[in-house]
């Protein structure tokens, strides 16, 4: 038996006896950062004043925006984690939709969408590929509302959130991530016009799809 063959057999035996690298295990903290894109599937009630459609079939639309997304997961077990989503403030332009202000700039707002989810990781902890799905609660707070029409107010929102994503670990600590989630974001809004006239309160349904790609770091 050649010396090279003996060394090859010995190396294979050592590798087989060595424990496999673990991707995610209980007690791990997983940090993800990247670009998060919010694409609202927006709609709103017709805007009325004292119950009358004085502006016609006037509604509003909300545009998309991208910001830095930051997410963290604490692994309670090798298959269950608690996820938290944060981001730099998203900024959305609001435009008129239908009615006399169709296509006109109706204002802008910023919001923060902190979200907590319970995440399930179906793969064995030894797998470098780690898909996951989560369900939880989103809280969205609006601020710096502006409108050229007068004053805009948007109430905060609490709703359900669901997500799916995947991590691919390139090493014990570093990997790639991609994720998509949906949040139920509905806000009661009201516009006070420049002459002091107040619109009736109307509901704005934002309900965005959120897409994120970035990097994963485990520690």
Protein backbone atom coordinates (compact mmCIF):
# COMPACT_ATOMS: atom_id res chain seq x y z
CA UNK A 1 0.00 0.00 0.00
CA UNK A 2 1.56 3.32 -1.09
CA UNK A 3 2.36 6.09 1.37
CA UNK A 4 0.13 8.52 -0.59
CA UNK A 5 -2.83 6.14 -0.36
CA UNK A 6 -2.31 5.69 3.39
CA UNK A 7 -2.25 9.48 3.90
CA UNK A 8 -5.43 9.84 1.83
CA UNK A 9 -7.26 7.23 3.91
CA UNK A 10 -6.08 8.91 7.13
CA UNK A 11 -7.23 12.34 5.94
CA UNK A 12 -10.65 10.98 4.98
CA UNK A 13 -11.02 9.32 8.38
CA UNK A 14 -10.14 12.57 10.18
CA UNK A 15 -12.68 14.54 8.11
CA UNK A 16 -15.39 11.97 8.76
CA UNK A 17 -14.74 12.04 12.48
CA UNK A 18 -14.69 15.86 12.68
CA UNK A 19 -18.03 17.52 13.53
CA UNK A 20 -19.81 19.26 10.63
CA UNK A 21 -19.84 23.04 10.69
CA UNK A 22 -23.13 24.28 12.10
CA UNK A 23 -24.97 27.00 10.19
CA UNK A 24 -27.56 28.12 12.75
CA UNK A 25 -27.87 26.77 16.28
CA UNK A 26 -29.76 27.68 19.44
CA UNK A 27 -28.28 30.81 21.01
CA UNK A 28 -26.95 32.27 17.75
CA UNK A 29 -27.54 35.92 16.86
CA UNK A 30 -27.92 36.59 13.13
CA UNK A 31 -27.55 40.10 11.75
CA UNK A 32 -28.63 40.96 8.19
CA UNK A 33 -28.12 44.27 6.38
CA UNK A 34 -28.82 45.37 2.83
CA UNK A 35 -31.11 47.33 0.54
CA UNK A 36 -34.82 47.17 1.41
CA UNK A 37 -37.37 48.25 -1.20
CA UNK A 38 -40.94 49.07 -0.16
CA UNK A 39 -43.52 48.75 -2.96
CA UNK A 40 -46.97 49.81 -1.70
CA UNK A 41 -50.07 48.11 -3.07
CA UNK A 42 -51.90 51.28 -2.20
CA UNK A 43 -55.51 52.36 -2.30
CA UNK A 44 -57.61 54.82 -0.33
CA UNK A 45 -61.16 55.82 0.40
CA UNK A 46 -62.66 58.66 -1.61
CA UNK A 47 -61.82 61.96 0.07
CA UNK A 48 -64.94 63.84 1.13
CA UNK A 49 -65.72 67.05 2.99
CA UNK A 50 -68.78 66.91 5.25
CA UNK A 51 -69.78 63.73 3.45
CA UNK A 52 -69.79 65.35 -0.02
CA UNK A 53 -67.49 64.49 -2.91
CA UNK A 54 -66.62 68.11 -3.59
CA UNK A 55 -63.25 67.04 -5.06
CA UNK A 56 -64.81 64.41 -7.30
CA UNK A 57 -63.70 60.79 -7.06
CA UNK A 58 -60.57 61.95 -5.23
CA UNK A 59 -58.21 59.35 -3.73
CA UNK A 60 -54.46 59.22 -3.05
CA UNK A 61 -51.58 56.99 -4.16
CA UNK A 62 -48.24 56.30 -2.41
CA UNK A 63 -44.99 55.71 -4.32
CA UNK A 64 -42.15 53.22 -3.67
CA UNK A 65 -38.90 53.85 -1.80
CA UNK A 66 -35.63 52.07 -0.98
CA UNK A 67 -33.59 52.40 2.22
CA UNK A 68 -31.02 50.57 4.31
CA UNK A 69 -32.68 47.54 5.91
CA UNK A 70 -31.39 45.98 9.12
CA UNK A 71 -32.77 42.72 10.50
CA UNK A 72 -31.73 40.56 13.43
CA UNK A 73 -32.70 37.05 14.52
CA UNK A 74 -32.13 35.29 17.81
CA UNK A 75 -32.22 31.51 17.43
CA UNK A 76 -34.28 30.09 20.31
CA UNK A 77 -33.71 26.58 18.91
CA UNK A 78 -31.95 25.30 15.80
CA UNK A 79 -35.27 25.63 13.90
CA UNK A 80 -37.07 28.59 15.56
CA UNK A 81 -35.94 32.19 15.73
CA UNK A 82 -37.29 35.56 16.84
CA UNK A 83 -36.79 38.14 14.08
CA UNK A 84 -36.81 41.95 14.30
CA UNK A 85 -36.92 44.25 11.29
CA UNK A 86 -35.68 47.84 11.35
CA UNK A 87 -34.63 50.32 8.68
CA UNK A 88 -33.67 53.90 8.04
CA UNK A 89 -36.87 55.96 7.56
CA UNK A 90 -38.73 55.30 4.33
CA UNK A 91 -39.91 58.41 2.47
CA UNK A 92 -42.99 58.29 0.23
CA UNK A 93 -44.48 60.86 -2.11
CA UNK A 94 -48.28 61.03 -2.05
CA UNK A 95 -50.12 61.97 -5.25
CA UNK A 96 -53.73 62.55 -6.13
CA UNK A 97 -55.53 59.68 -7.83
CA UNK A 98 -58.76 60.48 -9.67
CA UNK A 99 -60.77 63.61 -8.95
CA UNK A 100 -59.63 67.18 -9.47
CA UNK A 101 -56.11 66.47 -8.10
CA UNK A 102 -55.39 63.44 -10.28
CA UNK A 103 -51.63 63.14 -10.73
CA UNK A 104 -50.93 66.21 -8.61
CA UNK A 105 -48.41 66.28 -5.75
CA UNK A 106 -50.53 65.87 -2.61
CA UNK A 107 -47.69 65.62 -0.08
CA UNK A 108 -45.09 63.30 1.42
CA UNK A 109 -44.45 61.34 4.58
CA UNK A 110 -41.77 59.30 6.29
CA UNK A 111 -42.35 56.11 8.24
CA UNK A 112 -40.56 53.50 10.31
CA UNK A 113 -41.90 49.93 10.14
CA UNK A 114 -40.50 47.92 13.10
CA UNK A 115 -41.68 44.32 12.75
CA UNK A 116 -41.32 41.26 15.01
CA UNK A 117 -41.78 37.75 13.60
CA UNK A 118 -41.50 34.15 14.71
CA UNK A 119 -39.31 32.45 12.10
CA UNK A 120 -39.16 28.76 11.19
CA UNK A 121 -36.00 27.26 9.65
CA UNK A 122 -36.82 23.79 8.22
CA UNK A 123 -33.30 22.69 7.24
CA UNK A 124 -30.85 20.90 9.52
CA UNK A 125 -28.45 23.23 11.29
CA UNK A 126 -25.56 21.64 9.37
CA UNK A 127 -26.92 22.98 6.03
CA UNK A 128 -25.28 26.10 4.61
CA UNK A 129 -28.55 26.85 2.79
CA UNK A 130 -31.14 28.07 5.30
CA UNK A 131 -34.59 29.02 3.95
CA UNK A 132 -37.09 30.34 6.47
CA UNK A 133 -40.64 31.63 6.83
CA UNK A 134 -42.06 33.91 9.50
CA UNK A 135 -45.26 35.45 10.77
CA UNK A 136 -45.68 38.31 13.22
CA UNK A 137 -46.77 41.89 13.89
CA UNK A 138 -45.86 45.15 12.18
CA UNK A 139 -46.05 48.59 13.81
CA UNK A 140 -45.71 51.54 11.45
CA UNK A 141 -45.31 55.08 12.71
CA UNK A 142 -45.65 58.06 10.34
CA UNK A 143 -43.92 61.39 10.83
CA UNK A 144 -42.88 64.55 8.98
CA UNK A 145 -46.12 64.51 7.00
CA UNK A 146 -46.22 67.38 4.51
CA UNK A 147 -48.68 68.59 1.91
CA UNK A 148 -48.90 71.67 -0.28
CA UNK A 149 -52.66 71.60 0.30
CA UNK A 150 -52.40 72.49 3.99
CA UNK A 151 -51.76 69.97 6.77
CA UNK A 152 -51.67 66.17 6.52
CA UNK A 153 -52.14 63.75 9.41
CA UNK A 154 -51.57 59.98 9.21
CA UNK A 155 -52.31 57.72 12.19
CA UNK A 156 -49.92 54.95 13.18
CA UNK A 157 -50.75 51.40 12.09
CA UNK A 158 -50.60 47.94 13.67
CA UNK A 159 -51.12 44.86 11.52
CA UNK A 160 -50.00 41.37 10.55
CA UNK A 161 -46.75 40.63 8.72
CA UNK A 162 -45.47 37.53 6.91
CA UNK A 163 -42.07 36.84 5.40
CA UNK A 164 -40.06 34.27 3.46
CA UNK A 165 -36.32 34.36 2.92
CA UNK A 166 -33.09 32.47 2.68
CA UNK A 167 -29.53 32.67 3.93
CA UNK A 168 -26.59 30.99 2.24
CA UNK A 169 -23.60 30.81 4.55
CA UNK A 170 -20.25 31.20 2.79
CA UNK A 171 -18.34 30.58 6.01
CA UNK A 172 -19.10 29.91 9.68
CA UNK A 173 -19.98 33.56 10.20
CA UNK A 174 -20.60 35.26 6.86
CA UNK A 175 -23.27 34.68 4.19
CA UNK A 176 -25.76 36.12 1.71
CA UNK A 177 -29.44 36.86 2.31
CA UNK A 178 -32.57 37.53 0.25
CA UNK A 179 -36.06 38.02 1.67
CA UNK A 180 -39.53 39.26 0.83
CA UNK A 181 -42.36 40.10 3.19
CA UNK A 182 -45.81 41.64 3.23
CA UNK A 183 -47.25 43.89 5.91
CA UNK A 184 -50.83 44.96 6.61
CA UNK A 185 -50.44 48.74 6.91
CA UNK A 186 -53.62 50.81 7.07
CA UNK A 187 -53.68 54.41 8.22
CA UNK A 188 -56.54 56.80 8.96
CA UNK A 189 -55.70 60.12 7.29
CA UNK A 190 -57.07 63.64 7.30
CA UNK A 191 -56.15 66.78 5.36
CA UNK A 192 -56.67 70.28 6.70
CA UNK A 193 -56.76 72.63 3.72
CA UNK A 194 -55.04 75.99 3.68
CA UNK A 195 -58.32 77.80 4.38
CA UNK A 196 -58.90 75.69 7.49
CA UNK A 197 -61.43 73.33 5.91
CA UNK A 198 -60.96 69.73 7.11
CA UNK A 199 -61.62 66.70 4.96
CA UNK A 200 -63.44 63.77 6.50
CA UNK A 201 -61.15 61.11 7.88
CA UNK A 202 -60.32 58.57 5.16
CA UNK A 203 -58.47 55.25 5.20
CA UNK A 204 -55.25 54.71 3.24
CA UNK A 205 -54.32 51.06 2.66
CA UNK A 206 -50.59 50.78 1.91
CA UNK A 207 -50.12 47.01 2.35
CA UNK A 208 -46.62 46.93 0.82
CA UNK A 209 -44.47 44.14 -0.51
CA UNK A 210 -40.95 44.60 0.84
CA UNK A 211 -37.91 43.12 -0.91
CA UNK A 212 -34.42 42.94 0.56
CA UNK A 213 -31.03 41.60 -0.53
CA UNK A 214 -27.90 41.85 1.55
CA UNK A 215 -25.38 40.16 3.76
CA UNK A 216 -25.69 37.86 6.78
CA UNK A 217 -23.38 37.80 9.79
CA UNK A 218 -23.72 35.20 12.55
CA UNK A 219 -22.19 35.57 16.00
